[in-house]
C-alpha cells in the first residue's frame, strides 16, 4: 500500500519516507521470514520473498 501511495504522491513520499526506516522494515521482514518462512507453503514461499524484495527495492527509491 505504501508503494502505491508513494507512486501517486511522489513529492510527499520523498519528504516523508526515510531510507533508514525502509531498511529497518526490510530487516524486520527478513527476520520474520527466517523465523516463520517454513510455515508458508513451499509453492508460495519463494514468490512471497521475491515480491517483498521488489517492494522494498521500490520503496528505497523514495525518501531521504
C-alpha atoms as a PDB file:
ATOM      1  CA  UNK A   1       0.000   0.000   0.000  1.00  0.00           C
ATOM      2  CA  UNK A   2       2.839   2.373   0.827  1.00  0.00           C
ATOM      3  CA  UNK A   3       4.398   1.824  -2.605  1.00  0.00           C
ATOM      4  CA  UNK A   4       1.101   2.702  -4.302  1.00  0.00           C
ATOM      5  CA  UNK A   5       0.781   5.892  -2.264  1.00  0.00           C
ATOM      6  CA  UNK A   6       4.415   6.783  -2.912  1.00  0.00           C
ATOM      7  CA  UNK A   7       3.888   6.418  -6.662  1.00  0.00           C
ATOM      8  CA  UNK A   8       0.808   8.629  -6.553  1.00  0.00           C
ATOM      9  CA  UNK A   9       2.259  11.283  -4.239  1.00  0.00           C
ATOM     10  CA  UNK A  10       5.971  11.225  -5.062  1.00  0.00           C
ATOM     11  CA  UNK A  11       6.797  14.643  -3.621  1.00  0.00           C
ATOM     12  CA  UNK A  12       5.230  13.801  -0.272  1.00  0.00           C
ATOM     13  CA  UNK A  13       6.808  10.346  -0.291  1.00  0.00           C
ATOM     14  CA  UNK A  14      10.242  11.814  -0.917  1.00  0.00           C
ATOM     15  CA  UNK A  15       9.775  14.161   2.016  1.00  0.00           C
ATOM     16  CA  UNK A  16       8.235  11.710   4.474  1.00  0.00           C
ATOM     17  CA  UNK A  17       9.823   8.316   3.820  1.00  0.00           C
ATOM     18  CA  UNK A  18      13.210   7.882   5.434  1.00  0.00           C
ATOM     19  CA  UNK A  19      15.695   5.430   3.927  1.00  0.00           C
ATOM     20  CA  UNK A  20      16.796   4.197   7.356  1.00  0.00           C
ATOM     21  CA  UNK A  21      13.178   3.328   8.202  1.00  0.00           C
ATOM     22  CA  UNK A  22      12.831   1.364   4.950  1.00  0.00           C
ATOM     23  CA  UNK A  23      15.995  -0.547   5.856  1.00  0.00           C
ATOM     24  CA  UNK A  24      14.585  -1.228   9.319  1.00  0.00           C
ATOM     25  CA  UNK A  25      11.303  -2.529   7.834  1.00  0.00           C
ATOM     26  CA  UNK A  26      13.245  -4.722   5.443  1.00  0.00           C
ATOM     27  CA  UNK A  27      15.339  -6.139   8.287  1.00  0.00           C
ATOM     28  CA  UNK A  28      12.263  -6.848  10.387  1.00  0.00           C
ATOM     29  CA  UNK A  29      10.551  -8.566   7.459  1.00  0.00           C
ATOM     30  CA  UNK A  30      13.610 -10.689   6.701  1.00  0.00           C
ATOM     31  CA  UNK A  31      13.925 -11.715  10.355  1.00  0.00           C
ATOM     32  CA  UNK A  32      10.237 -12.640  10.424  1.00  0.00           C
ATOM     33  CA  UNK A  33      10.595 -14.578   7.163  1.00  0.00           C
ATOM     34  CA  UNK A  34      13.528 -16.541   8.576  1.00  0.00           C
ATOM     35  CA  UNK A  35      11.545 -17.455  11.684  1.00  0.00           C
ATOM     36  CA  UNK A  36       8.196 -18.186  10.053  1.00  0.00           C
ATOM     37  CA  UNK A  37       9.005 -18.922   6.410  1.00  0.00           C
ATOM     38  CA  UNK A  38       8.811 -22.650   6.957  1.00  0.00           C
ATOM     39  CA  UNK A  39       5.130 -22.289   7.888  1.00  0.00           C
ATOM     40  CA  UNK A  40       4.342 -20.806   4.460  1.00  0.00           C
ATOM     41  CA  UNK A  41       3.525 -23.474   1.858  1.00  0.00           C
ATOM     42  CA  UNK A  42       6.603 -24.162  -0.282  1.00  0.00           C
ATOM     43  CA  UNK A  43       4.897 -23.261  -3.550  1.00  0.00           C
ATOM     44  CA  UNK A  44       4.274 -19.695  -2.275  1.00  0.00           C
ATOM     45  CA  UNK A  45       7.415 -19.153  -0.192  1.00  0.00           C
ATOM     46  CA  UNK A  46       9.795 -18.067  -2.966  1.00  0.00           C
ATOM     47  CA  UNK A  47       7.185 -15.812  -4.547  1.00  0.00           C
ATOM     48  CA  UNK A  48       6.493 -14.027  -1.282  1.00  0.00           C
ATOM     49  CA  UNK A  49      10.196 -13.420  -0.664  1.00  0.00           C
ATOM     50  CA  UNK A  50      10.763 -12.230  -4.235  1.00  0.00           C
ATOM     51  CA  UNK A  51       7.781  -9.862  -4.125  1.00  0.00           C
ATOM     52  CA  UNK A  52       8.878  -8.444  -0.787  1.00  0.00           C
ATOM     53  CA  UNK A  53      12.390  -7.805  -2.102  1.00  0.00           C
ATOM     54  CA  UNK A  54      10.957  -5.995  -5.139  1.00  0.00           C
ATOM     55  CA  UNK A  55       8.647  -3.867  -2.981  1.00  0.00           C
ATOM     56  CA  UNK A  56      11.477  -2.868  -0.653  1.00  0.00           C
ATOM     57  CA  UNK A  57      13.643  -2.011  -3.661  1.00  0.00           C
ATOM     58  CA  UNK A  58      10.861   0.285  -4.939  1.00  0.00           C
ATOM     59  CA  UNK A  59      10.467   1.919  -1.526  1.00  0.00           C
ATOM     60  CA  UNK A  60      14.199   2.572  -1.331  1.00  0.00           C
ATOM     61  CA  UNK A  61      13.862   4.794  -4.404  1.00  0.00           C
ATOM     62  CA  UNK A  62      11.802   7.259  -2.388  1.00  0.00           C
ATOM     63  CA  UNK A  63      12.777   9.231   0.619  1.00  0.00           C
ATOM     64  CA  UNK A  64      15.912  10.666   2.002  1.00  0.00           C
END
